Amino acid sequence: MTKQPMKNLFFGSMRNKQMFTRIIALVVFASVISFVLYEGTKKSVAIDADGEQLEVSTHAKTVADVLADANIEVADYDKVSPSLDTEISNGLEIKWEQAKKFVIAVDGEEKEVWTTEEKVADILADADVTVTEHDKLSVGLDEQLAEGQAISIDKAFGIVLVDGNKKEQKIWSTKQTVADVLKQNNVKLNEFDRLNTKETALVAPGSKVAITRVEKKVDTVQEEIDFAVEQKNDANLAKGEQKVVAEGAKGTIERTYEVVTENGKIVAKNLQKENVTKEPTKKVVAIGTKEAPKAAPVTVSRGATSTNDTSGAPAGGREFYVEATAYTAYCDGCSGITATGIDIRSNPGIKVIAVDPNVIPLGSRVWVEGYGYAIAGDTGGVIKGNIIDLLVSSKEEAANWGRRQVRIKVLN
């Protein structure tokens, strides 16, 4: 081969290499220009990904596309702002909050809740769970929770509280013991107070808790002591007549009681001790035992005056007027024996009158206008004051006598 062809071959090869280099350079230049132009059309977007800040440039058309490009998977309960179908604009800020799972137990019944909220009150609101001021929560409404934490709620219900003699009231409780309910409502039991149930018993809706307020106190009082009555036989007094020899006087005693009240009413009064501060003085009464003289039979002789003769009253004696009725030895309720022991059925002719001993002493000898001489030897339930009852022999005679005012003389 000659030198000239070799030279031509060398220079031809060089020209081909230069051409290839120029082509490569042109392609690279075009690529760079295209890349610069492509990158220049991207939009800048800020992403707050659950607290982590990201800055991205993107050709994505919607928020959903941007999050997908950033490998952020949006679940059903996640919160995205603005919405996923919002078109991308330069400088747009996207906030994505990932939902967390919490467990809410209401009266022991659990349910899972997915929410982006962390404050207890907001979590419950998202779960459509309402609470009242009386409900019992395991955590405070203002507390912030971490994912997976549980909220326990005991729902309150109404019960009736009757405190002693106060008006019954409705109070609120959860699943608590009676003791807890009382403490929650600032109700204190005293030493002797009683409950209608045990303090350890659990209350239920509609329960009634009743307190009997029991008080025990010591009370010291002065009380009277009745005097005794001593009776002594006195042969100088007519049988049935009584005479006070010595007046009685009541004594005094100091008694100490334990007084028990329930709801303000006294239910027991127990004597603890007593001390006589003044001894009583007994009353002495003389009881007459002297038998009344038997009345002499009524006789009428020439020149003499019958005891039935009312034409003239005897001299002397205490004289006054009384209202007089008549009765027989066989009247209803009559025993036949007078208050002074006279057997009037065995002595049909005897003259006896029933009197009030406070006006005419029993055993007195009397003269009655229209009746004659008699013995005040009987008493009667209705014979009070200036009233006397005359013993007669028959009902007819008693009826004929009726009721009249007569003069009487008490002779001894």
Protein backbone atom coordinates (compact mmCIF):
# COMPACT_ATOMS: atom_id res chain seq x y z
CA MET A 1 0.00 0.00 0.00
CA THR A 2 1.33 3.45 -0.89
CA LYS A 3 1.74 6.23 1.64
CA GLN A 4 -0.98 8.34 0.06
CA PRO A 5 -3.79 5.88 0.52
CA MET A 6 -2.64 5.20 4.06
CA LYS A 7 -2.74 8.90 4.78
CA ASN A 8 -6.16 9.20 3.31
CA LEU A 9 -7.37 6.26 5.36
CA PHE A 10 -6.00 7.79 8.58
CA PHE A 11 -7.57 11.19 7.98
CA GLY A 12 -10.86 9.57 7.01
CA SER A 13 -10.90 7.68 10.24
CA MET A 14 -10.20 10.87 12.16
CA ARG A 15 -13.04 12.64 10.44
CA ASN A 16 -15.42 9.83 11.38
CA LYS A 17 -14.40 10.04 15.02
CA GLN A 18 -14.86 13.74 15.10
CA MET A 19 -18.29 13.37 13.56
CA PHE A 20 -19.29 10.78 16.16
CA THR A 21 -18.06 12.99 18.95
CA ARG A 22 -20.01 15.92 17.60
CA ILE A 23 -23.13 13.78 17.38
CA ILE A 24 -22.69 12.55 20.95
CA ALA A 25 -22.10 16.06 22.16
CA LEU A 26 -25.18 17.24 20.32
CA VAL A 27 -27.29 14.48 21.85
CA VAL A 28 -25.99 15.22 25.34
CA PHE A 29 -26.59 18.90 24.86
CA ALA A 30 -30.11 18.25 23.63
CA SER A 31 -30.71 15.92 26.58
CA VAL A 32 -29.45 18.48 29.06
CA ILE A 33 -31.56 21.16 27.48
CA SER A 34 -34.58 18.87 27.54
CA PHE A 35 -33.91 17.91 31.17
CA VAL A 36 -33.52 21.52 32.17
CA LEU A 37 -36.66 22.42 30.35
CA TYR A 38 -38.49 19.41 31.96
CA GLU A 39 -37.32 20.19 35.43
CA GLY A 40 -38.22 23.78 34.97
CA THR A 41 -41.85 22.84 34.44
CA LYS A 42 -42.11 20.99 37.78
CA LYS A 43 -44.08 22.54 40.63
CA SER A 44 -42.72 22.90 44.16
CA VAL A 45 -44.94 21.31 46.84
CA ALA A 46 -44.52 21.18 50.68
CA ILE A 47 -45.76 18.01 52.42
CA ASP A 48 -46.41 17.69 56.17
CA ALA A 49 -46.42 13.88 56.44
CA ASP A 50 -47.75 13.21 59.94
CA GLY A 51 -45.37 15.78 61.40
CA GLU A 52 -42.43 15.15 59.02
CA GLN A 53 -41.72 18.02 56.59
CA LEU A 54 -40.97 17.22 52.93
CA GLU A 55 -40.25 19.49 49.94
CA VAL A 56 -40.89 17.97 46.50
CA SER A 57 -40.95 19.11 42.89
CA THR A 58 -43.48 17.29 40.83
CA HIS A 59 -45.35 17.08 37.59
CA ALA A 60 -48.20 15.30 39.41
CA LYS A 61 -51.61 16.64 38.66
CA THR A 62 -53.45 16.03 41.99
CA VAL A 63 -52.71 15.75 45.69
CA ALA A 64 -53.36 12.01 45.50
CA ASP A 65 -50.67 11.69 42.78
CA VAL A 66 -48.16 13.66 44.86
CA LEU A 67 -48.70 11.47 47.91
CA ALA A 68 -48.46 8.32 45.79
CA ASP A 69 -45.17 9.56 44.28
CA ALA A 70 -43.94 10.12 47.82
CA ASN A 71 -44.86 6.52 48.72
CA ILE A 72 -47.50 7.72 51.21
CA GLU A 73 -50.44 5.32 51.39
CA VAL A 74 -53.62 7.08 52.47
CA ALA A 75 -56.00 4.89 54.53
CA ASP A 76 -59.76 5.40 54.93
CA TYR A 77 -59.58 7.25 58.29
CA ASP A 78 -56.48 9.35 57.42
CA LYS A 79 -56.96 13.08 57.14
CA VAL A 80 -55.60 14.92 54.05
CA SER A 81 -55.76 18.64 53.47
CA PRO A 82 -56.52 19.82 50.89
CA SER A 83 -58.62 16.97 49.49
CA LEU A 84 -57.04 14.23 47.37
CA ASP A 85 -58.58 15.47 44.12
CA THR A 86 -57.20 19.00 44.51
CA GLU A 87 -55.06 20.08 41.50
CA ILE A 88 -51.43 20.85 42.20
CA SER A 89 -50.26 24.44 42.12
CA ASN A 90 -46.81 25.81 42.75
CA GLY A 91 -46.17 26.35 46.48
CA LEU A 92 -49.11 24.17 47.56
CA GLU A 93 -48.93 22.85 51.13
CA ILE A 94 -50.26 19.36 51.73
CA LYS A 95 -50.94 17.97 55.20
CA TRP A 96 -51.41 14.26 55.77
CA GLU A 97 -52.36 12.92 59.20
CA GLN A 98 -52.31 9.18 59.70
CA ALA A 99 -55.22 7.71 61.70
CA LYS A 100 -54.46 5.83 64.91
CA LYS A 101 -56.38 3.06 66.58
CA PHE A 102 -57.90 3.50 70.05
CA VAL A 103 -60.11 1.22 72.14
CA ILE A 104 -63.18 2.66 73.88
CA ALA A 105 -64.97 0.52 76.49
CA VAL A 106 -68.43 1.75 77.52
CA ASP A 107 -69.76 -0.16 80.54
CA GLY A 108 -67.39 -2.99 79.63
CA GLU A 109 -68.39 -3.18 75.95
CA GLU A 110 -65.35 -2.45 73.76
CA LYS A 111 -65.11 -1.01 70.29
CA GLU A 112 -62.17 0.06 68.13
CA VAL A 113 -61.94 3.62 66.83
CA TRP A 114 -59.65 4.97 64.09
CA THR A 115 -59.04 8.71 64.26
CA THR A 116 -56.37 11.32 63.70
CA GLU A 117 -57.31 13.00 67.00
CA GLU A 118 -55.22 12.50 70.12
CA LYS A 119 -57.15 14.46 72.74
CA VAL A 120 -59.64 12.28 74.66
CA ALA A 121 -62.57 14.65 74.16
CA ASP A 122 -61.92 14.79 70.38
CA ILE A 123 -61.46 11.02 70.11
CA LEU A 124 -64.84 10.46 71.82
CA ALA A 125 -66.47 13.05 69.54
CA ASP A 126 -65.09 11.26 66.46
CA ALA A 127 -66.49 7.99 67.85
CA ASP A 128 -69.93 9.56 68.53
CA VAL A 129 -69.61 8.71 72.23
CA THR A 130 -71.21 11.27 74.54
CA VAL A 131 -70.33 11.60 78.21
CA THR A 132 -71.96 13.52 81.06
CA GLU A 133 -70.46 15.14 84.12
CA HIS A 134 -71.64 12.14 86.17
CA ASP A 135 -69.92 9.49 84.01
CA LYS A 136 -66.65 7.99 85.21
CA LEU A 137 -63.72 8.02 82.76
CA SER A 138 -60.39 6.25 83.14
CA VAL A 139 -58.60 9.27 81.63
CA GLY A 140 -59.26 13.00 81.63
CA LEU A 141 -61.05 14.64 78.69
CA ASP A 142 -58.09 16.97 78.10
CA GLU A 143 -55.45 14.23 78.11
CA GLN A 144 -53.46 13.37 74.97
CA LEU A 145 -53.30 9.65 74.17
CA ALA A 146 -50.76 7.56 72.32
CA GLU A 147 -51.85 5.07 69.70
CA GLY A 148 -53.35 1.91 71.15
CA GLN A 149 -54.32 3.41 74.51
CA ALA A 150 -57.78 2.55 75.85
CA ILE A 151 -60.55 4.75 77.23
CA SER A 152 -62.86 3.17 79.81
CA ILE A 153 -66.22 4.79 80.56
CA ASP A 154 -68.73 3.83 83.26
CA LYS A 155 -72.06 5.46 82.39
CA ALA A 156 -73.90 7.08 85.31
CA PHE A 157 -77.49 6.20 86.25
CA GLY A 158 -79.98 7.62 88.70
CA ILE A 159 -80.68 6.21 92.17
CA VAL A 160 -82.77 7.46 95.11
CA LEU A 161 -81.18 8.59 98.37
CA VAL A 162 -83.26 8.99 101.55
CA ASP A 163 -81.20 10.56 104.32
CA GLY A 164 -83.04 10.32 107.63
CA ASN A 165 -86.17 12.45 107.67
CA LYS A 166 -84.99 14.60 104.76
CA LYS A 167 -86.90 14.60 101.50
CA GLU A 168 -85.73 11.86 99.14
CA GLN A 169 -83.47 13.01 96.33
CA LYS A 170 -82.21 11.63 93.04
CA ILE A 171 -78.46 11.24 92.75
CA TRP A 172 -76.16 9.85 90.06
CA SER A 173 -73.89 6.87 90.32
CA THR A 174 -71.87 4.43 88.24
CA LYS A 175 -71.19 0.79 89.04
CA GLN A 176 -70.13 1.55 92.59
CA THR A 177 -70.67 0.24 96.08
CA VAL A 178 -73.09 1.97 98.44
CA ALA A 179 -70.10 3.26 100.42
CA ASP A 180 -68.61 4.82 97.26
CA VAL A 181 -71.92 6.49 96.39
CA LEU A 182 -72.21 8.03 99.85
CA LYS A 183 -68.62 9.27 99.74
CA GLN A 184 -69.10 10.71 96.26
CA ASN A 185 -72.12 12.69 97.50
CA ASN A 186 -70.43 13.80 100.75
CA VAL A 187 -72.84 11.81 102.91
CA LYS A 188 -71.27 10.62 106.17
CA LEU A 189 -72.58 7.90 108.46
CA ASN A 190 -72.42 8.37 112.21
CA GLU A 191 -71.63 5.63 114.70
CA PHE A 192 -75.16 4.30 115.19
CA ASP A 193 -76.72 5.10 111.79
CA ARG A 194 -78.24 2.22 109.81
CA LEU A 195 -78.47 1.50 106.08
CA ASN A 196 -81.16 -0.49 104.33
CA THR A 197 -78.40 -2.45 102.58
CA LYS A 198 -74.76 -3.36 103.06
CA GLU A 199 -72.12 -0.73 102.39
CA THR A 200 -70.30 -3.22 100.15
CA ALA A 201 -73.37 -3.85 97.98
CA LEU A 202 -73.29 -2.62 94.37
CA VAL A 203 -75.97 -0.13 93.38
CA ALA A 204 -78.05 -0.63 90.24
CA PRO A 205 -80.30 1.69 88.21
CA GLY A 206 -83.34 2.60 90.31
CA SER A 207 -81.74 1.48 93.59
CA LYS A 208 -82.89 3.13 96.80
CA VAL A 209 -80.37 3.85 99.52
CA ALA A 210 -82.06 4.76 102.82
CA ILE A 211 -80.26 5.94 105.94
CA THR A 212 -81.85 5.72 109.38
CA ARG A 213 -80.22 8.40 111.48
CA VAL A 214 -79.80 7.02 115.00
CA GLU A 215 -78.79 9.20 117.92
CA LYS A 216 -78.15 8.24 121.52
CA LYS A 217 -77.96 10.87 124.23
CA VAL A 218 -78.09 10.99 128.01
CA ASP A 219 -80.95 12.91 129.61
CA THR A 220 -81.29 13.54 133.36
CA VAL A 221 -84.74 14.57 134.68
CA GLN A 222 -86.41 15.20 138.02
CA GLU A 223 -89.54 13.11 138.52
CA GLU A 224 -92.10 12.81 141.32
CA ILE A 225 -92.49 9.74 143.52
CA ASP A 226 -96.04 8.96 144.59
CA PHE A 227 -96.54 8.54 148.31
CA ALA A 228 -97.87 5.34 149.84
CA VAL A 229 -101.26 5.21 151.56
CA GLU A 230 -101.48 3.40 154.89
CA GLN A 231 -104.91 2.44 156.20
CA LYS A 232 -105.55 1.95 159.90
CA ASN A 233 -108.70 0.59 161.47
CA ASP A 234 -110.40 3.02 163.85
CA ALA A 235 -113.12 1.69 166.18
CA ASN A 236 -114.23 5.24 166.97
CA LEU A 237 -115.37 5.84 163.40
CA ALA A 238 -118.50 4.33 161.91
CA LYS A 239 -117.94 1.43 159.60
CA GLY A 240 -117.23 2.71 156.10
CA GLU A 241 -116.24 6.17 157.28
CA GLN A 242 -112.73 7.38 156.47
CA LYS A 243 -110.61 10.09 158.04
CA VAL A 244 -107.19 11.40 156.92
CA VAL A 245 -104.85 11.24 159.90
CA ALA A 246 -101.73 12.45 158.04
CA GLU A 247 -101.50 14.01 154.61
CA GLY A 248 -99.04 12.41 152.22
CA ALA A 249 -96.34 14.29 150.32
CA LYS A 250 -94.75 13.28 147.06
CA GLY A 251 -91.01 12.78 146.87
CA THR A 252 -88.59 13.53 144.05
CA ILE A 253 -86.11 11.31 142.23
CA GLU A 254 -83.40 12.13 139.74
CA ARG A 255 -83.38 9.65 136.87
CA THR A 256 -80.78 9.40 134.12
CA TYR A 257 -81.98 7.92 130.82
CA GLU A 258 -80.31 6.92 127.59
CA VAL A 259 -82.65 8.35 124.96
CA VAL A 260 -82.51 6.72 121.51
CA THR A 261 -83.98 8.57 118.53
CA GLU A 262 -84.42 7.40 114.95
CA ASN A 263 -84.83 10.12 112.34
CA GLY A 264 -85.66 12.55 115.14
CA LYS A 265 -88.32 10.40 116.86
CA ILE A 266 -87.81 8.80 120.28
CA VAL A 267 -87.88 4.99 119.99
CA ALA A 268 -86.36 3.99 123.33
CA LYS A 269 -85.77 5.50 126.75
CA ASN A 270 -83.54 3.26 128.86
CA LEU A 271 -83.04 3.99 132.55
CA GLN A 272 -79.34 4.15 133.41
CA LYS A 273 -79.39 5.23 137.06
CA GLU A 274 -81.60 6.96 139.62
CA ASN A 275 -81.09 8.90 142.83
CA VAL A 276 -83.81 9.77 145.35
CA THR A 277 -83.42 13.45 146.21
CA LYS A 278 -86.48 13.66 148.50
CA GLU A 279 -88.22 10.77 150.21
CA PRO A 280 -92.04 10.71 149.95
CA THR A 281 -94.21 10.94 153.09
CA LYS A 282 -96.94 8.35 153.36
CA LYS A 283 -100.57 9.24 153.80
CA VAL A 284 -102.35 7.72 156.80
CA VAL A 285 -106.10 7.12 156.58
CA ALA A 286 -108.28 5.88 159.44
CA ILE A 287 -110.99 3.42 158.36
CA GLY A 288 -114.04 3.20 160.59
CA THR A 289 -114.93 -0.21 162.00
CA LYS A 290 -117.68 0.83 164.38
CA GLU A 291 -120.88 -1.03 163.55
CA ALA A 292 -123.90 1.21 162.94
CA PRO A 293 -126.73 0.66 165.45
CA LYS A 294 -129.68 -1.25 164.14
CA ALA A 295 -132.72 0.92 163.69
CA ALA A 296 -135.56 0.18 166.05
CA PRO A 297 -138.73 -1.13 164.44
CA VAL A 298 -141.32 1.48 163.70
CA THR A 299 -144.08 1.40 166.29
CA VAL A 300 -147.06 3.62 166.83
CA SER A 301 -148.63 3.94 170.26
CA ARG A 302 -151.30 6.11 171.61
CA GLY A 303 -149.90 9.52 172.36
CA ALA A 304 -146.62 8.79 170.58
CA THR A 305 -145.34 10.13 167.29
CA SER A 306 -144.22 7.73 164.49
CA THR A 307 -140.81 8.18 162.92
CA ASN A 308 -142.73 8.71 159.69
CA ASP A 309 -144.39 11.67 161.20
CA THR A 310 -143.06 14.74 159.44
CA SER A 311 -145.04 17.27 161.35
CA GLY A 312 -142.03 18.40 163.39
CA ALA A 313 -138.27 18.19 163.02
CA PRO A 314 -136.07 17.27 166.00
CA ALA A 315 -134.18 20.05 167.72
CA GLY A 316 -130.50 20.61 167.04
CA GLY A 317 -128.28 19.17 164.33
CA ARG A 318 -127.04 20.58 161.05
CA GLU A 319 -129.96 21.43 158.81
CA PHE A 320 -130.02 21.98 155.04
CA TYR A 321 -131.98 21.02 151.95
CA VAL A 322 -131.23 18.14 149.61
CA GLU A 323 -132.68 16.51 146.53
CA ALA A 324 -134.05 13.08 147.44
CA THR A 325 -134.82 9.99 145.38
CA ALA A 326 -135.71 6.45 146.53
CA TYR A 327 -134.39 2.90 145.92
CA THR A 328 -135.09 -0.65 147.11
CA ALA A 329 -132.92 -3.44 148.46
CA TYR A 330 -133.45 -5.30 145.18
CA CYS A 331 -132.71 -2.48 142.74
CA ASP A 332 -130.69 -3.19 139.56
CA GLY A 333 -127.04 -3.51 140.50
CA CYS A 334 -127.76 -3.61 144.24
CA SER A 335 -126.08 -6.35 146.30
CA GLY A 336 -128.28 -5.97 149.37
CA ILE A 337 -125.29 -4.92 151.50
CA THR A 338 -124.66 -1.19 152.02
CA ALA A 339 -121.31 0.55 151.89
CA THR A 340 -121.16 0.34 155.72
CA GLY A 341 -122.02 -3.38 155.75
CA ILE A 342 -125.71 -3.22 156.62
CA ASP A 343 -127.73 -6.18 155.26
CA ILE A 344 -130.81 -4.31 154.09
CA ARG A 345 -132.50 -7.42 152.68
CA SER A 346 -132.44 -9.10 156.07
CA ASN A 347 -133.77 -5.94 157.75
CA PRO A 348 -136.74 -4.90 155.61
CA GLY A 349 -137.95 -2.20 158.00
CA ILE A 350 -134.61 -0.45 158.47
CA LYS A 351 -134.30 3.22 157.52
CA VAL A 352 -131.08 3.89 155.53
CA ILE A 353 -130.15 6.67 153.16
CA ALA A 354 -127.36 6.77 150.59
CA VAL A 355 -125.25 9.94 150.86
CA ASP A 356 -122.12 11.65 149.56
CA PRO A 357 -119.65 11.09 152.47
CA ASN A 358 -118.10 14.48 151.73
CA VAL A 359 -121.43 16.12 152.64
CA ILE A 360 -122.88 13.71 155.23
CA PRO A 361 -120.40 11.39 156.99
CA LEU A 362 -121.22 7.67 156.79
CA GLY A 363 -122.71 6.37 160.01
CA SER A 364 -124.41 9.68 160.83
CA ARG A 365 -127.91 9.67 162.36
CA VAL A 366 -130.20 11.89 160.31
CA TRP A 367 -133.74 13.11 160.11
CA VAL A 368 -135.34 13.50 156.66
CA GLU A 369 -138.48 15.46 156.03
CA GLY A 370 -141.22 13.09 154.89
CA TYR A 371 -139.07 10.00 155.73
CA GLY A 372 -138.15 10.29 159.40
CA TYR A 373 -135.07 9.12 161.30
CA ALA A 374 -132.47 7.09 159.41
CA ILE A 375 -128.81 6.07 159.23
CA ALA A 376 -126.45 7.48 156.56
CA GLY A 377 -125.22 3.99 155.73
CA ASP A 378 -124.84 3.74 151.96
CA THR A 379 -123.31 5.49 148.94
CA GLY A 380 -124.08 5.56 145.21
CA GLY A 381 -122.36 6.36 141.96
CA VAL A 382 -124.66 9.29 141.21
CA ILE A 383 -125.00 10.47 144.79
CA LYS A 384 -122.82 13.54 144.67
CA GLY A 385 -123.20 16.75 146.62
CA ASN A 386 -126.59 17.58 148.18
CA ILE A 387 -128.33 14.49 146.87
CA ILE A 388 -129.61 11.53 148.92
CA ASP A 389 -131.30 8.22 148.07
CA LEU A 390 -133.90 6.79 150.50
CA LEU A 391 -134.29 3.03 151.09
CA VAL A 392 -137.94 2.04 150.70
CA SER A 393 -139.66 -1.35 150.71
CA SER A 394 -141.03 -1.57 147.16
CA LYS A 395 -140.63 -0.27 143.65
CA GLU A 396 -144.12 1.24 143.82
CA GLU A 397 -143.13 3.23 146.89
CA ALA A 398 -139.93 4.35 145.18
CA ALA A 399 -141.91 5.44 142.11
CA ASN A 400 -144.40 7.32 144.27
CA TRP A 401 -141.59 9.13 146.03
CA GLY A 402 -140.05 10.26 142.72
CA ARG A 403 -137.59 13.11 143.05
CA ARG A 404 -138.21 15.93 145.48
CA GLN A 405 -136.44 18.54 147.55
CA VAL A 406 -136.62 17.91 151.29
CA ARG A 407 -135.20 19.27 154.51
CA ILE A 408 -132.61 17.14 156.32
CA LYS A 409 -130.91 17.34 159.70
CA VAL A 410 -127.62 15.61 160.49
CA LEU A 411 -127.91 14.82 164.17
CA ASN A 412 -124.48 13.33 164.96
